[in-house]
Amino acid sequence: YHGAAGVLLVNTVDYDKEDEIKKLRPENGVSPAKVPVIQIK
């Protein structure tokens, strides 16, 4: 919405101390993004 062309998501330590990469699973019921979205370590 604010014009970003891509999103990099990263875990905080409190949220995930082990910093696991989220497994790919089908995401139904939400709108797909129109930009590339990547989780990084």
PDB file of all heavy atoms in Angstrom:
ATOM      1  N   TYR A   1       0.829  -1.209   0.000  1.00  0.00           N
ATOM      2  CA  TYR A   1       0.000   0.000   0.000  1.00  0.00           C
ATOM      3  C   TYR A   1       0.864   1.260   0.000  1.00  0.00           C
ATOM      4  O   TYR A   1       0.519   2.270  -0.638  1.00  0.00           O
ATOM      5  CB  TYR A   1      -0.920  -0.006   1.216  1.00  0.00           C
ATOM      6  CG  TYR A   1      -1.703   1.263   1.406  1.00  0.00           C
ATOM      7  CD1 TYR A   1      -2.834   1.533   0.636  1.00  0.00           C
ATOM      8  CD2 TYR A   1      -1.301   2.211   2.352  1.00  0.00           C
ATOM      9  CE1 TYR A   1      -3.548   2.714   0.804  1.00  0.00           C
ATOM     10  CE2 TYR A   1      -2.006   3.388   2.523  1.00  0.00           C
ATOM     11  CZ  TYR A   1      -3.121   3.635   1.745  1.00  0.00           C
ATOM     12  OH  TYR A   1      -3.817   4.796   1.914  1.00  0.00           O
ATOM     13  N   HIS A   2       2.001   1.201   0.683  1.00  0.00           N
ATOM     14  CA  HIS A   2       2.882   2.367   0.765  1.00  0.00           C
ATOM     15  C   HIS A   2       3.867   2.443  -0.402  1.00  0.00           C
ATOM     16  O   HIS A   2       4.743   3.312  -0.414  1.00  0.00           O
ATOM     17  CB  HIS A   2       3.641   2.354   2.093  1.00  0.00           C
ATOM     18  CG  HIS A   2       2.803   2.803   3.260  1.00  0.00           C
ATOM     19  ND1 HIS A   2       2.035   1.934   4.003  1.00  0.00           N
ATOM     20  CD2 HIS A   2       2.596   4.047   3.778  1.00  0.00           C
ATOM     21  CE1 HIS A   2       1.404   2.606   4.946  1.00  0.00           C
ATOM     22  NE2 HIS A   2       1.717   3.887   4.828  1.00  0.00           N
ATOM     23  N   GLY A   3       3.748   1.518  -1.361  1.00  0.00           N
ATOM     24  CA  GLY A   3       4.548   1.605  -2.571  1.00  0.00           C
ATOM     25  C   GLY A   3       5.776   0.723  -2.594  1.00  0.00           C
ATOM     26  O   GLY A   3       6.554   0.786  -3.562  1.00  0.00           O
ATOM     27  N   ALA A   4       5.992  -0.078  -1.561  1.00  0.00           N
ATOM     28  CA  ALA A   4       7.148  -0.973  -1.565  1.00  0.00           C
ATOM     29  C   ALA A   4       7.014  -1.975  -2.705  1.00  0.00           C
ATOM     30  O   ALA A   4       5.928  -2.468  -3.008  1.00  0.00           O
ATOM     31  CB  ALA A   4       7.251  -1.711  -0.234  1.00  0.00           C
ATOM     32  N   ALA A   5       8.144  -2.314  -3.328  1.00  0.00           N
ATOM     33  CA  ALA A   5       8.122  -3.239  -4.466  1.00  0.00           C
ATOM     34  C   ALA A   5       8.483  -4.655  -4.053  1.00  0.00           C
ATOM     35  O   ALA A   5       8.401  -5.577  -4.865  1.00  0.00           O
ATOM     36  CB  ALA A   5       9.081  -2.757  -5.544  1.00  0.00           C
ATOM     37  N   GLY A   6       8.890  -4.835  -2.791  1.00  0.00           N
ATOM     38  CA  GLY A   6       9.223  -6.160  -2.290  1.00  0.00           C
ATOM     39  C   GLY A   6       9.325  -6.119  -0.772  1.00  0.00           C
ATOM     40  O   GLY A   6       9.577  -5.055  -0.184  1.00  0.00           O
ATOM     41  N   VAL A   7       9.132  -7.276  -0.129  1.00  0.00           N
ATOM     42  CA  VAL A   7       9.125  -7.348   1.340  1.00  0.00           C
ATOM     43  C   VAL A   7      10.068  -8.454   1.804  1.00  0.00           C
ATOM     44  O   VAL A   7      10.000  -9.596   1.326  1.00  0.00           O
ATOM     45  CB  VAL A   7       7.706  -7.627   1.887  1.00  0.00           C
ATOM     46  CG1 VAL A   7       7.722  -7.700   3.415  1.00  0.00           C
ATOM     47  CG2 VAL A   7       6.724  -6.568   1.413  1.00  0.00           C
ATOM     48  N   LEU A   8      10.956  -8.109   2.753  1.00  0.00           N
ATOM     49  CA  LEU A   8      11.833  -9.063   3.411  1.00  0.00           C
ATOM     50  C   LEU A   8      11.383  -9.174   4.868  1.00  0.00           C
ATOM     51  O   LEU A   8      11.403  -8.176   5.601  1.00  0.00           O
ATOM     52  CB  LEU A   8      13.291  -8.595   3.347  1.00  0.00           C
ATOM     53  CG  LEU A   8      13.867  -8.354   1.957  1.00  0.00           C
ATOM     54  CD1 LEU A   8      15.242  -7.711   2.061  1.00  0.00           C
ATOM     55  CD2 LEU A   8      13.934  -9.654   1.157  1.00  0.00           C
ATOM     56  N   LEU A   9      10.951 -10.349   5.277  1.00  0.00           N
ATOM     57  CA  LEU A   9      10.483 -10.581   6.643  1.00  0.00           C
ATOM     58  C   LEU A   9      11.565 -11.302   7.436  1.00  0.00           C
ATOM     59  O   LEU A   9      12.222 -12.215   6.930  1.00  0.00           O
ATOM     60  CB  LEU A   9       9.214 -11.435   6.637  1.00  0.00           C
ATOM     61  CG  LEU A   9       7.972 -10.818   5.978  1.00  0.00           C
ATOM     62  CD1 LEU A   9       6.919 -11.895   5.731  1.00  0.00           C
ATOM     63  CD2 LEU A   9       7.391  -9.717   6.861  1.00  0.00           C
ATOM     64  N   VAL A  10      11.726 -10.925   8.704  1.00  0.00           N
ATOM     65  CA  VAL A  10      12.740 -11.562   9.537  1.00  0.00           C
ATOM     66  C   VAL A  10      12.202 -11.763  10.952  1.00  0.00           C
ATOM     67  O   VAL A  10      11.474 -10.919  11.476  1.00  0.00           O
ATOM     68  CB  VAL A  10      14.045 -10.722   9.565  1.00  0.00           C
ATOM     69  CG1 VAL A  10      13.809  -9.337  10.154  1.00  0.00           C
ATOM     70  CG2 VAL A  10      15.142 -11.460  10.319  1.00  0.00           C
ATOM     71  N   ASN A  11      12.545 -12.903  11.557  1.00  0.00           N
ATOM     72  CA  ASN A  11      12.112 -13.205  12.921  1.00  0.00           C
ATOM     73  C   ASN A  11      12.863 -12.353  13.934  1.00  0.00           C
ATOM     74  O   ASN A  11      14.084 -12.183  13.835  1.00  0.00           O
ATOM     75  CB  ASN A  11      12.388 -14.674  13.271  1.00  0.00           C
ATOM     76  CG  ASN A  11      11.537 -15.636  12.479  1.00  0.00           C
ATOM     77  OD1 ASN A  11      10.374 -15.373  12.195  1.00  0.00           O
ATOM     78  ND2 ASN A  11      12.119 -16.774  12.113  1.00  0.00           N
ATOM     79  N   THR A  12      12.170 -11.844  14.946  1.00  0.00           N
ATOM     80  CA  THR A  12      12.845 -11.296  16.111  1.00  0.00           C
ATOM     81  C   THR A  12      13.292 -12.462  16.991  1.00  0.00           C
ATOM     82  O   THR A  12      12.810 -13.592  16.849  1.00  0.00           O
ATOM     83  CB  THR A  12      11.908 -10.379  16.911  1.00  0.00           C
ATOM     84  OG1 THR A  12      10.780 -11.144  17.373  1.00  0.00           O
ATOM     85  CG2 THR A  12      11.420  -9.210  16.066  1.00  0.00           C
ATOM     86  N   VAL A  13      14.179 -12.172  17.932  1.00  0.00           N
ATOM     87  CA  VAL A  13      14.657 -13.220  18.832  1.00  0.00           C
ATOM     88  C   VAL A  13      13.534 -13.692  19.738  1.00  0.00           C
ATOM     89  O   VAL A  13      13.368 -14.893  19.988  1.00  0.00           O
ATOM     90  CB  VAL A  13      15.856 -12.716  19.661  1.00  0.00           C
ATOM     91  CG1 VAL A  13      16.310 -13.794  20.654  1.00  0.00           C
ATOM     92  CG2 VAL A  13      17.003 -12.317  18.747  1.00  0.00           C
ATOM     93  N   ASP A  14      12.740 -12.757  20.248  1.00  0.00           N
ATOM     94  CA  ASP A  14      11.623 -13.124  21.123  1.00  0.00           C
ATOM     95  C   ASP A  14      10.605 -13.989  20.394  1.00  0.00           C
ATOM     96  O   ASP A  14      10.025 -14.899  20.977  1.00  0.00           O
ATOM     97  CB  ASP A  14      10.929 -11.869  21.663  1.00  0.00           C
ATOM     98  CG  ASP A  14      11.673 -11.262  22.830  1.00  0.00           C
ATOM     99  OD1 ASP A  14      12.609 -11.924  23.333  1.00  0.00           O
ATOM    100  OD2 ASP A  14      11.341 -10.126  23.230  1.00  0.00           O
ATOM    101  N   TYR A  15      10.390 -13.700  19.133  1.00  0.00           N
ATOM    102  CA  TYR A  15       9.387 -14.444  18.369  1.00  0.00           C
ATOM    103  C   TYR A  15       9.864 -15.850  18.040  1.00  0.00           C
ATOM    104  O   TYR A  15       9.101 -16.816  18.099  1.00  0.00           O
ATOM    105  CB  TYR A  15       9.044 -13.680  17.092  1.00  0.00           C
ATOM    106  CG  TYR A  15       7.966 -14.333  16.252  1.00  0.00           C
ATOM    107  CD1 TYR A  15       6.680 -14.499  16.754  1.00  0.00           C
ATOM    108  CD2 TYR A  15       8.248 -14.769  14.960  1.00  0.00           C
ATOM    109  CE1 TYR A  15       5.702 -15.092  15.989  1.00  0.00           C
ATOM    110  CE2 TYR A  15       7.263 -15.354  14.190  1.00  0.00           C
ATOM    111  CZ  TYR A  15       6.000 -15.515  14.710  1.00  0.00           C
ATOM    112  OH  TYR A  15       5.018 -16.117  13.950  1.00  0.00           O
ATOM    113  N   ASP A  16      11.119 -16.004  17.666  1.00  0.00           N
ATOM    114  CA  ASP A  16      11.650 -17.318  17.310  1.00  0.00           C
ATOM    115  C   ASP A  16      13.152 -17.333  17.574  1.00  0.00           C
ATOM    116  O   ASP A  16      13.956 -16.919  16.733  1.00  0.00           O
ATOM    117  CB  ASP A  16      11.363 -17.643  15.842  1.00  0.00           C
ATOM    118  CG  ASP A  16      11.761 -19.058  15.460  1.00  0.00           C
ATOM    119  OD1 ASP A  16      12.395 -19.745  16.295  1.00  0.00           O
ATOM    120  OD2 ASP A  16      11.466 -19.471  14.333  1.00  0.00           O
ATOM    121  N   LYS A  17      13.536 -17.813  18.745  1.00  0.00           N
ATOM    122  CA  LYS A  17      14.940 -17.832  19.136  1.00  0.00           C
ATOM    123  C   LYS A  17      15.777 -18.663  18.171  1.00  0.00           C
ATOM    124  O   LYS A  17      16.926 -18.331  17.873  1.00  0.00           O
ATOM    125  CB  LYS A  17      15.066 -18.388  20.550  1.00  0.00           C
ATOM    126  CG  LYS A  17      16.472 -18.328  21.116  1.00  0.00           C
ATOM    127  CD  LYS A  17      16.514 -18.809  22.561  1.00  0.00           C
ATOM    128  CE  LYS A  17      17.936 -18.710  23.108  1.00  0.00           C
ATOM    129  NZ  LYS A  17      18.003 -19.164  24.522  1.00  0.00           N
ATOM    130  N   GLU A  18      15.187 -19.774  17.667  1.00  0.00           N
ATOM    131  CA  GLU A  18      15.915 -20.662  16.751  1.00  0.00           C
ATOM    132  C   GLU A  18      15.964 -20.120  15.331  1.00  0.00           C
ATOM    133  O   GLU A  18      16.696 -20.635  14.491  1.00  0.00           O
ATOM    134  CB  GLU A  18      15.262 -22.053  16.748  1.00  0.00           C
ATOM    135  CG  GLU A  18      15.200 -22.718  18.119  1.00  0.00           C
ATOM    136  CD  GLU A  18      16.564 -22.888  18.742  1.00  0.00           C
ATOM    137  OE1 GLU A  18      17.511 -23.225  17.985  1.00  0.00           O
ATOM    138  OE2 GLU A  18      16.699 -22.673  19.962  1.00  0.00           O
ATOM    139  N   ASP A  19      15.161 -19.117  15.055  1.00  0.00           N
ATOM    140  CA  ASP A  19      15.143 -18.459  13.736  1.00  0.00           C
ATOM    141  C   ASP A  19      14.891 -19.458  12.594  1.00  0.00           C
ATOM    142  O   ASP A  19      15.662 -19.535  11.625  1.00  0.00           O
ATOM    143  CB  ASP A  19      16.451 -17.710  13.498  1.00  0.00           C
ATOM    144  CG  ASP A  19      16.347 -16.719  12.339  1.00  0.00           C
ATOM    145  OD1 ASP A  19      15.208 -16.335  11.991  1.00  0.00           O
ATOM    146  OD2 ASP A  19      17.396 -16.348  11.782  1.00  0.00           O
ATOM    147  N   GLU A  20      13.806 -20.183  12.712  1.00  0.00           N
ATOM    148  CA  GLU A  20      13.492 -21.187  11.699  1.00  0.00           C
ATOM    149  C   GLU A  20      12.880 -20.555  10.451  1.00  0.00           C
ATOM    150  O   GLU A  20      12.127 -19.589  10.531  1.00  0.00           O
ATOM    151  CB  GLU A  20      12.518 -22.224  12.268  1.00  0.00           C
ATOM    152  CG  GLU A  20      13.120 -23.085  13.373  1.00  0.00           C
ATOM    153  CD  GLU A  20      12.159 -24.156  13.840  1.00  0.00           C
ATOM    154  OE1 GLU A  20      11.039 -24.216  13.301  1.00  0.00           O
ATOM    155  OE2 GLU A  20      12.540 -24.932  14.740  1.00  0.00           O
ATOM    156  N   ILE A  21      13.226 -21.129   9.319  1.00  0.00           N
ATOM    157  CA  ILE A  21      12.623 -20.720   8.050  1.00  0.00           C
ATOM    158  C   ILE A  21      11.228 -21.334   7.968  1.00  0.00           C
ATOM    159  O   ILE A  21      11.041 -22.530   8.193  1.00  0.00           O
ATOM    160  CB  ILE A  21      13.472 -21.194   6.856  1.00  0.00           C
ATOM    161  CG1 ILE A  21      14.775 -20.400   6.784  1.00  0.00           C
ATOM    162  CG2 ILE A  21      12.705 -21.088   5.553  1.00  0.00           C
ATOM    163  CD1 ILE A  21      14.626 -18.971   6.334  1.00  0.00           C
ATOM    164  N   LYS A  22      10.247 -20.512   7.652  1.00  0.00           N
ATOM    165  CA  LYS A  22       8.865 -20.974   7.570  1.00  0.00           C
ATOM    166  C   LYS A  22       8.708 -21.935   6.386  1.00  0.00           C
ATOM    167  O   LYS A  22       9.131 -21.631   5.271  1.00  0.00           O
ATOM    168  CB  LYS A  22       7.938 -19.770   7.392  1.00  0.00           C
ATOM    169  CG  LYS A  22       6.449 -20.084   7.413  1.00  0.00           C
ATOM    170  CD  LYS A  22       5.674 -18.787   7.198  1.00  0.00           C
ATOM    171  CE  LYS A  22       4.174 -19.026   7.077  1.00  0.00           C
ATOM    172  NZ  LYS A  22       3.565 -19.302   8.382  1.00  0.00           N
ATOM    173  N   LYS A  23       8.110 -23.091   6.635  1.00  0.00           N
ATOM    174  CA  LYS A  23       7.909 -24.065   5.562  1.00  0.00           C
ATOM    175  C   LYS A  23       6.838 -23.584   4.596  1.00  0.00           C
ATOM    176  O   LYS A  23       5.875 -22.923   4.991  1.00  0.00           O
ATOM    177  CB  LYS A  23       7.519 -25.420   6.148  1.00  0.00           C
ATOM    178  CG  LYS A  23       8.639 -26.097   6.925  1.00  0.00           C
ATOM    179  CD  LYS A  23       8.204 -27.479   7.409  1.00  0.00           C
ATOM    180  CE  LYS A  23       9.350 -28.164   8.155  1.00  0.00           C
ATOM    181  NZ  LYS A  23       8.949 -29.522   8.634  1.00  0.00           N
ATOM    182  N   LEU A  24       7.018 -23.933   3.336  1.00  0.00           N
ATOM    183  CA  LEU A  24       6.020 -23.583   2.332  1.00  0.00           C
ATOM    184  C   LEU A  24       4.761 -24.409   2.543  1.00  0.00           C
ATOM    185  O   LEU A  24       4.801 -25.649   2.543  1.00  0.00           O
ATOM    186  CB  LEU A  24       6.567 -23.839   0.926  1.00  0.00           C
ATOM    187  CG  LEU A  24       7.506 -22.781   0.353  1.00  0.00           C
ATOM    188  CD1 LEU A  24       8.045 -23.241  -0.987  1.00  0.00           C
ATOM    189  CD2 LEU A  24       6.793 -21.442   0.203  1.00  0.00           C
ATOM    190  N   ARG A  25       3.658 -23.750   2.729  1.00  0.00           N
ATOM    191  CA  ARG A  25       2.358 -24.401   2.841  1.00  0.00           C
ATOM    192  C   ARG A  25       1.335 -23.585   2.055  1.00  0.00           C
ATOM    193  O   ARG A  25       1.446 -22.358   1.982  1.00  0.00           O
ATOM    194  CB  ARG A  25       1.893 -24.508   4.295  1.00  0.00           C
ATOM    195  CG  ARG A  25       2.766 -25.418   5.164  1.00  0.00           C
ATOM    196  CD  ARG A  25       2.185 -25.508   6.576  1.00  0.00           C
ATOM    197  NE  ARG A  25       3.013 -26.300   7.470  1.00  0.00           N
ATOM    198  CZ  ARG A  25       2.971 -27.610   7.563  1.00  0.00           C
ATOM    199  NH1 ARG A  25       2.124 -28.290   6.820  1.00  0.00           N
ATOM    200  NH2 ARG A  25       3.752 -28.258   8.403  1.00  0.00           N
ATOM    201  N   PRO A  26       0.346 -24.224   1.472  1.00  0.00           N
ATOM    202  CA  PRO A  26      -0.694 -23.466   0.766  1.00  0.00           C
ATOM    203  C   PRO A  26      -1.333 -22.446   1.692  1.00  0.00           C
ATOM    204  O   PRO A  26      -1.583 -22.735   2.866  1.00  0.00           O
ATOM    205  CB  PRO A  26      -1.693 -24.551   0.355  1.00  0.00           C
ATOM    206  CG  PRO A  26      -0.905 -25.805   0.320  1.00  0.00           C
ATOM    207  CD  PRO A  26       0.115 -25.686   1.403  1.00  0.00           C
ATOM    208  N   GLU A  27      -1.556 -21.256   1.189  1.00  0.00           N
ATOM    209  CA  GLU A  27      -2.168 -20.181   1.971  1.00  0.00           C
ATOM    210  C   GLU A  27      -3.493 -19.826   1.329  1.00  0.00           C
ATOM    211  O   GLU A  27      -3.547 -19.049   0.373  1.00  0.00           O
ATOM    212  CB  GLU A  27      -1.252 -18.968   2.015  1.00  0.00           C
ATOM    213  CG  GLU A  27      -1.679 -17.892   3.000  1.00  0.00           C
ATOM    214  CD  GLU A  27      -1.338 -18.247   4.439  1.00  0.00           C
ATOM    215  OE1 GLU A  27      -0.195 -18.614   4.703  1.00  0.00           O
ATOM    216  OE2 GLU A  27      -2.232 -18.141   5.294  1.00  0.00           O
ATOM    217  N   ASN A  28      -4.549 -20.427   1.835  1.00  0.00           N
ATOM    218  CA  ASN A  28      -5.883 -20.127   1.324  1.00  0.00           C
ATOM    219  C   ASN A  28      -6.576 -19.143   2.252  1.00  0.00           C
ATOM    220  O   ASN A  28      -6.273 -19.057   3.436  1.00  0.00           O
ATOM    221  CB  ASN A  28      -6.709 -21.406   1.228  1.00  0.00           C
ATOM    222  CG  ASN A  28      -6.270 -22.299   0.083  1.00  0.00           C
ATOM    223  OD1 ASN A  28      -6.484 -21.981  -1.068  1.00  0.00           O
ATOM    224  ND2 ASN A  28      -5.637 -23.426   0.396  1.00  0.00           N
ATOM    225  N   GLY A  29      -7.504 -18.418   1.697  1.00  0.00           N
ATOM    226  CA  GLY A  29      -8.308 -17.529   2.515  1.00  0.00           C
ATOM    227  C   GLY A  29      -7.728 -16.133   2.679  1.00  0.00           C
ATOM    228  O   GLY A  29      -8.328 -15.291   3.327  1.00  0.00           O
ATOM    229  N   VAL A  30      -6.534 -15.874   2.133  1.00  0.00           N
ATOM    230  CA  VAL A  30      -5.966 -14.529   2.158  1.00  0.00           C
ATOM    231  C   VAL A  30      -5.600 -14.135   0.738  1.00  0.00           C
ATOM    232  O   VAL A  30      -5.341 -14.980  -0.118  1.00  0.00           O
ATOM    233  CB  VAL A  30      -4.718 -14.440   3.057  1.00  0.00           C
ATOM    234  CG1 VAL A  30      -5.063 -14.781   4.489  1.00  0.00           C
ATOM    235  CG2 VAL A  30      -3.598 -15.339   2.546  1.00  0.00           C
ATOM    236  N   SER A  31      -5.520 -12.852   0.507  1.00  0.00           N
ATOM    237  CA  SER A  31      -5.175 -12.362  -0.831  1.00  0.00           C
ATOM    238  C   SER A  31      -3.689 -12.569  -1.087  1.00  0.00           C
ATOM    239  O   SER A  31      -2.862 -12.253  -0.225  1.00  0.00           O
ATOM    240  CB  SER A  31      -5.500 -10.875  -0.946  1.00  0.00           C
ATOM    241  OG  SER A  31      -6.868 -10.647  -0.700  1.00  0.00           O
ATOM    242  N   PRO A  32      -3.296 -13.089  -2.257  1.00  0.00           N
ATOM    243  CA  PRO A  32      -1.876 -13.212  -2.574  1.00  0.00           C
ATOM    244  C   PRO A  32      -1.259 -11.836  -2.766  1.00  0.00           C
ATOM    245  O   PRO A  32      -1.934 -10.877  -3.140  1.00  0.00           O
ATOM    246  CB  PRO A  32      -1.882 -14.013  -3.878  1.00  0.00           C
ATOM    247  CG  PRO A  32      -3.220 -13.754  -4.484  1.00  0.00           C
ATOM    248  CD  PRO A  32      -4.165 -13.594  -3.337  1.00  0.00           C
ATOM    249  N   ALA A  33       0.026 -11.736  -2.496  1.00  0.00           N
ATOM    250  CA  ALA A  33       0.720 -10.460  -2.643  1.00  0.00           C
ATOM    251  C   ALA A  33       0.962 -10.154  -4.115  1.00  0.00           C
ATOM    252  O   ALA A  33       1.059 -11.064  -4.951  1.00  0.00           O
ATOM    253  CB  ALA A  33       2.045 -10.495  -1.894  1.00  0.00           C
ATOM    254  N   LYS A  34       1.088  -8.885  -4.438  1.00  0.00           N
ATOM    255  CA  LYS A  34       1.407  -8.464  -5.797  1.00  0.00           C
ATOM    256  C   LYS A  34       2.891  -8.154  -5.939  1.00  0.00           C
ATOM    257  O   LYS A  34       3.343  -7.698  -6.999  1.00  0.00           O
ATOM    258  CB  LYS A  34       0.566  -7.250  -6.173  1.00  0.00           C
ATOM    259  CG  LYS A  34      -0.931  -7.548  -6.221  1.00  0.00           C
ATOM    260  CD  LYS A  34      -1.728  -6.330  -6.632  1.00  0.00           C
ATOM    261  CE  LYS A  34      -3.224  -6.651  -6.695  1.00  0.00           C
ATOM    262  NZ  LYS A  34      -4.038  -5.474  -7.082  1.00  0.00           N
ATOM    263  N   VAL A  35       3.661  -8.385  -4.864  1.00  0.00           N
ATOM    264  CA  VAL A  35       5.093  -8.107  -4.855  1.00  0.00           C
ATOM    265  C   VAL A  35       5.816  -9.350  -4.329  1.00  0.00           C
ATOM    266  O   VAL A  35       5.213 -10.201  -3.667  1.00  0.00           O
ATOM    267  CB  VAL A  35       5.422  -6.893  -3.964  1.00  0.00           C
ATOM    268  CG1 VAL A  35       4.727  -5.646  -4.488  1.00  0.00           C
ATOM    269  CG2 VAL A  35       5.031  -7.165  -2.513  1.00  0.00           C
ATOM    270  N   PRO A  36       7.127  -9.495  -4.611  1.00  0.00           N
ATOM    271  CA  PRO A  36       7.870 -10.608  -4.035  1.00  0.00           C
ATOM    272  C   PRO A  36       7.980 -10.467  -2.513  1.00  0.00           C
ATOM    273  O   PRO A  36       8.217  -9.369  -2.006  1.00  0.00           O
ATOM    274  CB  PRO A  36       9.242 -10.507  -4.705  1.00  0.00           C
ATOM    275  CG  PRO A  36       9.364  -9.087  -5.142  1.00  0.00           C
ATOM    276  CD  PRO A  36       7.970  -8.651  -5.482  1.00  0.00           C
ATOM    277  N   VAL A  37       7.800 -11.573  -1.821  1.00  0.00           N
ATOM    278  CA  VAL A  37       7.862 -11.581  -0.358  1.00  0.00           C
ATOM    279  C   VAL A  37       8.796 -12.724   0.051  1.00  0.00           C
ATOM    280  O   VAL A  37       8.606 -13.863  -0.369  1.00  0.00           O
ATOM    281  CB  VAL A  37       6.478 -11.799   0.270  1.00  0.00           C
ATOM    282  CG1 VAL A  37       6.574 -11.762   1.797  1.00  0.00           C
ATOM    283  CG2 VAL A  37       5.481 -10.761  -0.231  1.00  0.00           C
ATOM    284  N   ILE A  38       9.807 -12.406   0.852  1.00  0.00           N
ATOM    285  CA  ILE A  38      10.822 -13.391   1.218  1.00  0.00           C
ATOM    286  C   ILE A  38      11.076 -13.350   2.718  1.00  0.00           C
ATOM    287  O   ILE A  38      11.243 -12.261   3.298  1.00  0.00           O
ATOM    288  CB  ILE A  38      12.153 -13.107   0.471  1.00  0.00           C
ATOM    289  CG1 ILE A  38      11.926 -13.094  -1.037  1.00  0.00           C
ATOM    290  CG2 ILE A  38      13.209 -14.146   0.838  1.00  0.00           C
ATOM    291  CD1 ILE A  38      13.165 -12.679  -1.840  1.00  0.00           C
ATOM    292  N   GLN A  39      11.095 -14.504   3.367  1.00  0.00           N
ATOM    293  CA  GLN A  39      11.564 -14.577   4.743  1.00  0.00           C
ATOM    294  C   GLN A  39      13.065 -14.833   4.713  1.00  0.00           C
ATOM    295  O   GLN A  39      13.539 -15.730   4.013  1.00  0.00           O
ATOM    296  CB  GLN A  39      10.880 -15.688   5.532  1.00  0.00           C
ATOM    297  CG  GLN A  39      11.348 -15.712   6.997  1.00  0.00           C
ATOM    298  CD  GLN A  39      10.973 -16.975   7.737  1.00  0.00           C
ATOM    299  OE1 GLN A  39      10.166 -17.761   7.264  1.00  0.00           O
ATOM    300  NE2 GLN A  39      11.578 -17.178   8.904  1.00  0.00           N
ATOM    301  N   ILE A  40      13.826 -14.046   5.472  1.00  0.00           N
ATOM    302  CA  ILE A  40      15.272 -14.217   5.517  1.00  0.00           C
ATOM    303  C   ILE A  40      15.711 -14.509   6.954  1.00  0.00           C
ATOM    304  O   ILE A  40      15.047 -14.135   7.915  1.00  0.00           O
ATOM    305  CB  ILE A  40      16.015 -12.975   4.982  1.00  0.00           C
ATOM    306  CG1 ILE A  40      15.710 -11.740   5.839  1.00  0.00           C
ATOM    307  CG2 ILE A  40      15.639 -12.720   3.532  1.00  0.00           C
ATOM    308  CD1 ILE A  40      16.513 -10.500   5.436  1.00  0.00           C
ATOM    309  N   LYS A  41      16.842 -15.189   7.087  1.00  0.00           N
ATOM    310  CA  LYS A  41      17.398 -15.477   8.407  1.00  0.00           C
ATOM    311  C   LYS A  41      17.959 -14.188   9.025  1.00  0.00           C
ATOM    312  O   LYS A  41      18.317 -13.232   8.307  1.00  0.00           O
ATOM    313  CB  LYS A  41      18.511 -16.519   8.290  1.00  0.00           C
ATOM    314  CG  LYS A  41      18.058 -17.849   7.718  1.00  0.00           C
ATOM    315  CD  LYS A  41      17.395 -18.729   8.771  1.00  0.00           C
ATOM    316  CE  LYS A  41      18.421 -19.396   9.649  1.00  0.00           C
ATOM    317  NZ  LYS A  41      17.813 -20.406  10.548  1.00  0.00           N
TER     318      LYS A  41
END
